[in-house]
Amino acid sequence: STPLYSSAASDVYKRQVPDIVHQDLQQGFLLLSDMGTQTWLNALNEANADEWYSAAIDTLITQQLHADTAGLPQYDEALLQRELELFPQWYLFRHREKVVTGELRQRLDRVFDVLIRSALAQPQVFVHRDYMPRNLMVSDPNPGVIDFQDAVAGPISYDVISLFKDAFLSWPEERVLSWLREYFDKATAAGLPVPAAFEDFLRDCDLMGACLLYTSPSPRDGLL
């Protein structure tokens, strides 16, 4: 089987991601080991959230440290722009019947430019791109991580903000801030290239979260 991690990853992490049992890349097929049937989306609750999110933070940091980005697409300006265009194309035009031209187009372009520049300025690491409760499986060790097919090399804040500001699950802001602080402290200790100041890290997360908000109104996500 072929692993999805480098040899430096921990033995625990190696049991948290699927093995590739067989692959036919020409036809686009992978046979993966079974990661179970229960997702975090249906199992997270007030009682287990702190413990489980702490485990998800540890898994994310291991992933960012050791997942191989060789051969992955770059989350570059073209990809960011293409995803941001989902907002005017799918939401405003198709579902609100609003043609985006003139001053509105200019305002959107200015906002998009700020978001893109922020994303590109961040340190680049392995980005799962769907690291959220519906792609985390209840397993031993917990969580199991699936759905790697959209992975890229991109902004370090992308996956952590996806985890805590999921479109399908909301938590109080104070709780999210405490989890972001936990990630920041652990990432700093692990040597990941997060900003030196927590406030700067939060700003990166806020702008990345805004970017995800604009890119979420997609038919793929079933949010329309």
C-alpha atoms as a PDB file:
ATOM      1  CA  SER A   1       0.000   0.000   0.000  1.00  0.00           C
ATOM      2  CA  THR A   2       1.035   3.637  -0.528  1.00  0.00           C
ATOM      3  CA  PRO A   3       0.883   6.074   2.405  1.00  0.00           C
ATOM      4  CA  LEU A   4      -0.357   9.683   2.307  1.00  0.00           C
ATOM      5  CA  TYR A   5       2.283  10.869   4.782  1.00  0.00           C
ATOM      6  CA  SER A   6       6.052  11.118   5.068  1.00  0.00           C
ATOM      7  CA  SER A   7       8.080   8.568   6.972  1.00  0.00           C
ATOM      8  CA  ALA A   8       8.539  11.123   9.773  1.00  0.00           C
ATOM      9  CA  ALA A   9       4.851  11.101  10.687  1.00  0.00           C
ATOM     10  CA  SER A  10       3.923   9.435  13.962  1.00  0.00           C
ATOM     11  CA  ASP A  11       2.609   5.877  14.083  1.00  0.00           C
ATOM     12  CA  VAL A  12      -0.647   7.263  15.497  1.00  0.00           C
ATOM     13  CA  TYR A  13      -1.154   9.561  12.499  1.00  0.00           C
ATOM     14  CA  LYS A  14      -0.434   6.703  10.122  1.00  0.00           C
ATOM     15  CA  ARG A  15      -3.516   4.985  11.545  1.00  0.00           C
ATOM     16  CA  GLN A  16      -5.647   8.133  11.163  1.00  0.00           C
ATOM     17  CA  VAL A  17      -5.523   8.350   7.380  1.00  0.00           C
ATOM     18  CA  PRO A  18      -6.481   5.757   4.769  1.00  0.00           C
ATOM     19  CA  ASP A  19      -3.911   3.572   3.073  1.00  0.00           C
ATOM     20  CA  ILE A  20      -4.027   3.414  -0.711  1.00  0.00           C
ATOM     21  CA  VAL A  21      -4.577  -0.298  -1.299  1.00  0.00           C
ATOM     22  CA  HIS A  22      -4.607  -0.023  -5.088  1.00  0.00           C
ATOM     23  CA  GLN A  23      -4.492   2.783  -7.626  1.00  0.00           C
ATOM     24  CA  ASP A  24      -5.230   3.282 -11.308  1.00  0.00           C
ATOM     25  CA  LEU A  25      -4.250   6.901 -11.917  1.00  0.00           C
ATOM     26  CA  GLN A  26      -4.924   6.729 -15.650  1.00  0.00           C
ATOM     27  CA  GLN A  27      -8.606   6.073 -14.989  1.00  0.00           C
ATOM     28  CA  GLY A  28      -8.691   8.136 -11.799  1.00  0.00           C
ATOM     29  CA  PHE A  29      -9.434   5.314  -9.335  1.00  0.00           C
ATOM     30  CA  LEU A  30      -8.117   4.722  -5.808  1.00  0.00           C
ATOM     31  CA  LEU A  31      -9.004   1.823  -3.511  1.00  0.00           C
ATOM     32  CA  LEU A  32      -8.628   3.051   0.084  1.00  0.00           C
ATOM     33  CA  SER A  33      -8.771   1.295   3.418  1.00  0.00           C
ATOM     34  CA  ASP A  34     -12.092   1.634   5.255  1.00  0.00           C
ATOM     35  CA  MET A  35     -12.311   4.495   7.778  1.00  0.00           C
ATOM     36  CA  GLY A  36     -15.759   3.642   9.160  1.00  0.00           C
ATOM     37  CA  THR A  37     -19.193   5.215   8.724  1.00  0.00           C
ATOM     38  CA  GLN A  38     -19.726   7.789  11.514  1.00  0.00           C
ATOM     39  CA  THR A  39     -18.551  11.345  10.906  1.00  0.00           C
ATOM     40  CA  TRP A  40     -17.842  13.987  13.521  1.00  0.00           C
ATOM     41  CA  LEU A  41     -20.662  16.077  12.108  1.00  0.00           C
ATOM     42  CA  ASN A  42     -23.157  13.670  13.675  1.00  0.00           C
ATOM     43  CA  ALA A  43     -21.183  12.846  16.821  1.00  0.00           C
ATOM     44  CA  LEU A  44     -19.759  16.151  18.111  1.00  0.00           C
ATOM     45  CA  ASN A  45     -21.564  17.634  21.082  1.00  0.00           C
ATOM     46  CA  GLU A  46     -21.049  20.065  23.955  1.00  0.00           C
ATOM     47  CA  ALA A  47     -19.602  17.370  26.199  1.00  0.00           C
ATOM     48  CA  ASN A  48     -16.924  16.012  23.839  1.00  0.00           C
ATOM     49  CA  ALA A  49     -16.094  19.106  21.744  1.00  0.00           C
ATOM     50  CA  ASP A  50     -13.074  20.320  23.719  1.00  0.00           C
ATOM     51  CA  GLU A  51     -11.410  16.898  23.826  1.00  0.00           C
ATOM     52  CA  TRP A  52     -12.179  16.091  20.196  1.00  0.00           C
ATOM     53  CA  TYR A  53     -11.162  19.453  18.776  1.00  0.00           C
ATOM     54  CA  SER A  54      -7.912  19.219  20.730  1.00  0.00           C
ATOM     55  CA  ALA A  55      -7.297  15.889  18.997  1.00  0.00           C
ATOM     56  CA  ALA A  56      -8.193  17.433  15.628  1.00  0.00           C
ATOM     57  CA  ILE A  57      -5.689  20.230  16.279  1.00  0.00           C
ATOM     58  CA  ASP A  58      -2.954  17.689  17.053  1.00  0.00           C
ATOM     59  CA  THR A  59      -3.790  15.755  13.890  1.00  0.00           C
ATOM     60  CA  LEU A  60      -3.802  18.916  11.781  1.00  0.00           C
ATOM     61  CA  ILE A  61      -0.399  19.976  13.081  1.00  0.00           C
ATOM     62  CA  THR A  62       1.055  16.534  12.336  1.00  0.00           C
ATOM     63  CA  GLN A  63      -0.477  16.748   8.875  1.00  0.00           C
ATOM     64  CA  GLN A  64       0.986  20.201   8.239  1.00  0.00           C
ATOM     65  CA  LEU A  65       4.399  19.076   9.442  1.00  0.00           C
ATOM     66  CA  HIS A  66       4.626  15.763   7.597  1.00  0.00           C
ATOM     67  CA  ALA A  67       2.135  15.470   4.708  1.00  0.00           C
ATOM     68  CA  ASP A  68       4.026  15.575   1.423  1.00  0.00           C
ATOM     69  CA  THR A  69       3.191  18.557  -0.838  1.00  0.00           C
ATOM     70  CA  ALA A  70       5.324  17.329  -3.748  1.00  0.00           C
ATOM     71  CA  GLY A  71       3.230  17.323  -6.915  1.00  0.00           C
ATOM     72  CA  LEU A  72       0.250  19.082  -5.333  1.00  0.00           C
ATOM     73  CA  PRO A  73      -1.316  22.094  -7.073  1.00  0.00           C
ATOM     74  CA  GLN A  74      -0.481  25.499  -5.623  1.00  0.00           C
ATOM     75  CA  TYR A  75      -3.328  27.446  -4.057  1.00  0.00           C
ATOM     76  CA  ASP A  76      -2.232  30.352  -6.222  1.00  0.00           C
ATOM     77  CA  GLU A  77      -3.859  33.574  -7.357  1.00  0.00           C
ATOM     78  CA  ALA A  78      -5.636  31.904 -10.279  1.00  0.00           C
ATOM     79  CA  LEU A  79      -7.237  29.227  -8.075  1.00  0.00           C
ATOM     80  CA  LEU A  80      -8.205  31.743  -5.392  1.00  0.00           C
ATOM     81  CA  GLN A  81      -9.784  34.038  -7.982  1.00  0.00           C
ATOM     82  CA  ARG A  82     -11.647  31.161  -9.597  1.00  0.00           C
ATOM     83  CA  GLU A  83     -13.126  30.084  -6.260  1.00  0.00           C
ATOM     84  CA  LEU A  84     -14.045  33.629  -5.237  1.00  0.00           C
ATOM     85  CA  GLU A  85     -15.907  34.052  -8.516  1.00  0.00           C
ATOM     86  CA  LEU A  86     -18.399  31.459  -7.283  1.00  0.00           C
ATOM     87  CA  PHE A  87     -19.961  34.224  -5.198  1.00  0.00           C
ATOM     88  CA  PRO A  88     -20.958  36.554  -8.044  1.00  0.00           C
ATOM     89  CA  GLN A  89     -21.564  33.757 -10.537  1.00  0.00           C
ATOM     90  CA  TRP A  90     -23.494  31.178  -8.510  1.00  0.00           C
ATOM     91  CA  TYR A  91     -25.017  33.206  -5.708  1.00  0.00           C
ATOM     92  CA  LEU A  92     -25.567  36.757  -6.887  1.00  0.00           C
ATOM     93  CA  PHE A  93     -26.340  36.030 -10.536  1.00  0.00           C
ATOM     94  CA  ARG A  94     -27.948  32.608 -10.528  1.00  0.00           C
ATOM     95  CA  HIS A  95     -29.798  32.703  -7.210  1.00  0.00           C
ATOM     96  CA  ARG A  96     -30.320  36.415  -6.589  1.00  0.00           C
ATOM     97  CA  GLU A  97     -30.689  37.333 -10.277  1.00  0.00           C
ATOM     98  CA  LYS A  98     -28.261  40.210  -9.796  1.00  0.00           C
ATOM     99  CA  VAL A  99     -25.875  41.116 -12.611  1.00  0.00           C
ATOM    100  CA  VAL A 100     -22.502  42.043 -11.155  1.00  0.00           C
ATOM    101  CA  THR A 101     -21.219  45.025 -13.110  1.00  0.00           C
ATOM    102  CA  GLY A 102     -20.097  48.594 -12.588  1.00  0.00           C
ATOM    103  CA  GLU A 103     -19.577  49.802  -9.022  1.00  0.00           C
ATOM    104  CA  LEU A 104     -20.604  46.483  -7.448  1.00  0.00           C
ATOM    105  CA  ARG A 105     -18.023  44.627  -9.554  1.00  0.00           C
ATOM    106  CA  GLN A 106     -15.362  47.162  -8.578  1.00  0.00           C
ATOM    107  CA  ARG A 107     -16.187  46.828  -4.883  1.00  0.00           C
ATOM    108  CA  LEU A 108     -16.064  43.047  -5.091  1.00  0.00           C
ATOM    109  CA  ASP A 109     -12.744  43.182  -6.920  1.00  0.00           C
ATOM    110  CA  ARG A 110     -11.258  45.353  -4.163  1.00  0.00           C
ATOM    111  CA  VAL A 111     -12.443  42.929  -1.477  1.00  0.00           C
ATOM    112  CA  PHE A 112     -11.195  39.925  -3.445  1.00  0.00           C
ATOM    113  CA  ASP A 113      -7.813  41.585  -3.933  1.00  0.00           C
ATOM    114  CA  VAL A 114      -7.387  42.021  -0.151  1.00  0.00           C
ATOM    115  CA  LEU A 115      -8.336  38.383   0.475  1.00  0.00           C
ATOM    116  CA  ILE A 116      -6.064  37.020  -2.242  1.00  0.00           C
ATOM    117  CA  ARG A 117      -3.063  39.102  -1.145  1.00  0.00           C
ATOM    118  CA  SER A 118      -3.541  37.954   2.454  1.00  0.00           C
ATOM    119  CA  ALA A 119      -3.746  34.279   1.449  1.00  0.00           C
ATOM    120  CA  LEU A 120      -0.683  34.448  -0.786  1.00  0.00           C
ATOM    121  CA  ALA A 121       1.362  36.251   1.883  1.00  0.00           C
ATOM    122  CA  GLN A 122       0.859  33.458   4.420  1.00  0.00           C
ATOM    123  CA  PRO A 123       3.374  30.605   4.805  1.00  0.00           C
ATOM    124  CA  GLN A 124       2.442  27.721   2.530  1.00  0.00           C
ATOM    125  CA  VAL A 125       1.889  24.216   3.909  1.00  0.00           C
ATOM    126  CA  PHE A 126      -0.120  21.111   3.083  1.00  0.00           C
ATOM    127  CA  VAL A 127      -3.789  22.132   2.890  1.00  0.00           C
ATOM    128  CA  HIS A 128      -6.411  19.388   3.094  1.00  0.00           C
ATOM    129  CA  ARG A 129      -8.998  21.933   1.891  1.00  0.00           C
ATOM    130  CA  ASP A 130     -11.937  20.136   3.488  1.00  0.00           C
ATOM    131  CA  TYR A 131     -10.663  19.647   7.039  1.00  0.00           C
ATOM    132  CA  MET A 132     -14.013  19.869   8.773  1.00  0.00           C
ATOM    133  CA  PRO A 133     -16.293  17.641  10.873  1.00  0.00           C
ATOM    134  CA  ARG A 134     -18.024  15.989   7.938  1.00  0.00           C
ATOM    135  CA  ASN A 135     -14.640  14.667   6.754  1.00  0.00           C
ATOM    136  CA  LEU A 136     -13.389  13.594  10.173  1.00  0.00           C
ATOM    137  CA  MET A 137     -14.395  10.081  11.160  1.00  0.00           C
ATOM    138  CA  VAL A 138     -15.069   8.702  14.628  1.00  0.00           C
ATOM    139  CA  SER A 139     -12.254   6.180  14.970  1.00  0.00           C
ATOM    140  CA  ASP A 140      -9.518   4.837  17.197  1.00  0.00           C
ATOM    141  CA  PRO A 141      -7.332   6.858  17.196  1.00  0.00           C
ATOM    142  CA  ASN A 142      -9.729   9.766  16.818  1.00  0.00           C
ATOM    143  CA  PRO A 143     -10.172  11.417  14.333  1.00  0.00           C
ATOM    144  CA  GLY A 144      -9.800   9.490  11.114  1.00  0.00           C
ATOM    145  CA  VAL A 145      -9.255  11.851   8.188  1.00  0.00           C
ATOM    146  CA  ILE A 146     -10.749  11.318   4.718  1.00  0.00           C
ATOM    147  CA  ASP A 147     -11.410  13.272   1.505  1.00  0.00           C
ATOM    148  CA  PHE A 148      -7.894  14.306   0.500  1.00  0.00           C
ATOM    149  CA  GLN A 149      -8.631  14.642  -3.221  1.00  0.00           C
ATOM    150  CA  ASP A 150      -8.705  18.469  -3.290  1.00  0.00           C
ATOM    151  CA  ALA A 151      -5.458  18.925  -1.329  1.00  0.00           C
ATOM    152  CA  VAL A 152      -3.117  21.747  -2.332  1.00  0.00           C
ATOM    153  CA  ALA A 153      -0.090  23.605  -1.038  1.00  0.00           C
ATOM    154  CA  GLY A 154      -1.551  26.773   0.422  1.00  0.00           C
ATOM    155  CA  PRO A 155      -2.085  29.182   3.339  1.00  0.00           C
ATOM    156  CA  ILE A 156      -1.385  27.820   6.798  1.00  0.00           C
ATOM    157  CA  SER A 157      -4.618  29.252   8.256  1.00  0.00           C
ATOM    158  CA  TYR A 158      -6.902  27.555   5.714  1.00  0.00           C
ATOM    159  CA  ASP A 159      -7.502  24.192   7.396  1.00  0.00           C
ATOM    160  CA  VAL A 160      -7.701  25.447  10.972  1.00  0.00           C
ATOM    161  CA  ILE A 161     -10.336  28.054  10.123  1.00  0.00           C
ATOM    162  CA  SER A 162     -12.231  25.460   8.062  1.00  0.00           C
ATOM    163  CA  LEU A 163     -12.308  23.230  11.138  1.00  0.00           C
ATOM    164  CA  PHE A 164     -13.853  25.811  13.450  1.00  0.00           C
ATOM    165  CA  LYS A 165     -16.010  27.847  11.054  1.00  0.00           C
ATOM    166  CA  ASP A 166     -17.669  25.004   9.217  1.00  0.00           C
ATOM    167  CA  ALA A 167     -20.735  25.834   7.112  1.00  0.00           C
ATOM    168  CA  PHE A 168     -22.690  23.008   8.787  1.00  0.00           C
ATOM    169  CA  LEU A 169     -21.732  23.488  12.439  1.00  0.00           C
ATOM    170  CA  SER A 170     -21.467  26.653  14.553  1.00  0.00           C
ATOM    171  CA  TRP A 171     -19.906  27.322  17.959  1.00  0.00           C
ATOM    172  CA  PRO A 172     -19.853  30.438  20.186  1.00  0.00           C
ATOM    173  CA  GLU A 173     -17.106  32.899  19.242  1.00  0.00           C
ATOM    174  CA  GLU A 174     -15.422  32.636  22.641  1.00  0.00           C
ATOM    175  CA  ARG A 175     -15.068  28.881  22.243  1.00  0.00           C
ATOM    176  CA  VAL A 176     -13.693  29.201  18.720  1.00  0.00           C
ATOM    177  CA  LEU A 177     -11.140  31.733  19.957  1.00  0.00           C
ATOM    178  CA  SER A 178      -9.995  29.374  22.689  1.00  0.00           C
ATOM    179  CA  TRP A 179      -9.494  26.568  20.140  1.00  0.00           C
ATOM    180  CA  LEU A 180      -7.651  28.890  17.776  1.00  0.00           C
ATOM    181  CA  ARG A 181      -5.409  29.888  20.677  1.00  0.00           C
ATOM    182  CA  GLU A 182      -4.748  26.201  21.400  1.00  0.00           C
ATOM    183  CA  TYR A 183      -3.812  25.614  17.769  1.00  0.00           C
ATOM    184  CA  PHE A 184      -1.578  28.702  17.744  1.00  0.00           C
ATOM    185  CA  ASP A 185       0.297  27.660  20.883  1.00  0.00           C
ATOM    186  CA  LYS A 186       0.771  24.070  19.712  1.00  0.00           C
ATOM    187  CA  ALA A 187       1.756  25.119  16.184  1.00  0.00           C
ATOM    188  CA  THR A 188       4.297  27.565  17.568  1.00  0.00           C
ATOM    189  CA  ALA A 189       5.775  24.881  19.836  1.00  0.00           C
ATOM    190  CA  ALA A 190       5.946  22.461  16.899  1.00  0.00           C
ATOM    191  CA  GLY A 191       7.877  24.939  14.780  1.00  0.00           C
ATOM    192  CA  LEU A 192       5.182  25.634  12.195  1.00  0.00           C
ATOM    193  CA  PRO A 193       5.531  29.071  10.520  1.00  0.00           C
ATOM    194  CA  VAL A 194       2.611  30.822  12.202  1.00  0.00           C
ATOM    195  CA  PRO A 195       2.970  34.572  12.932  1.00  0.00           C
ATOM    196  CA  ALA A 196       4.823  35.529  16.103  1.00  0.00           C
ATOM    197  CA  ALA A 197       1.817  37.394  17.506  1.00  0.00           C
ATOM    198  CA  PHE A 198      -1.536  35.705  18.136  1.00  0.00           C
ATOM    199  CA  GLU A 199      -3.338  38.876  16.962  1.00  0.00           C
ATOM    200  CA  ASP A 200      -1.637  38.628  13.556  1.00  0.00           C
ATOM    201  CA  PHE A 201      -2.579  34.975  13.331  1.00  0.00           C
ATOM    202  CA  LEU A 202      -6.210  35.859  14.103  1.00  0.00           C
ATOM    203  CA  ARG A 203      -6.203  38.475  11.358  1.00  0.00           C
ATOM    204  CA  ASP A 204      -4.955  35.859   8.880  1.00  0.00           C
ATOM    205  CA  CYS A 205      -7.704  33.511  10.062  1.00  0.00           C
ATOM    206  CA  ASP A 206     -10.378  36.199   9.765  1.00  0.00           C
ATOM    207  CA  LEU A 207      -9.387  37.039   6.197  1.00  0.00           C
ATOM    208  CA  MET A 208      -9.108  33.374   5.274  1.00  0.00           C
ATOM    209  CA  GLY A 209     -12.524  32.790   6.832  1.00  0.00           C
ATOM    210  CA  ALA A 210     -13.959  35.610   4.728  1.00  0.00           C
ATOM    211  CA  CYS A 211     -12.440  34.001   1.664  1.00  0.00           C
ATOM    212  CA  LEU A 212     -14.104  30.694   2.542  1.00  0.00           C
ATOM    213  CA  LEU A 213     -17.408  32.490   3.077  1.00  0.00           C
ATOM    214  CA  TYR A 214     -17.289  33.885  -0.448  1.00  0.00           C
ATOM    215  CA  THR A 215     -16.289  30.532  -1.946  1.00  0.00           C
ATOM    216  CA  SER A 216     -18.855  28.409  -0.055  1.00  0.00           C
ATOM    217  CA  PRO A 217     -21.958  29.182  -2.172  1.00  0.00           C
ATOM    218  CA  SER A 218     -21.183  26.354  -4.563  1.00  0.00           C
ATOM    219  CA  PRO A 219     -23.504  23.613  -5.871  1.00  0.00           C
ATOM    220  CA  ARG A 220     -20.817  21.135  -4.771  1.00  0.00           C
ATOM    221  CA  ASP A 221     -21.429  22.082  -1.134  1.00  0.00           C
ATOM    222  CA  GLY A 222     -25.211  21.854  -1.344  1.00  0.00           C
ATOM    223  CA  LEU A 223     -25.602  25.261   0.290  1.00  0.00           C
ATOM    224  CA  LEU A 224     -27.802  26.803  -2.385  1.00  0.00           C
END
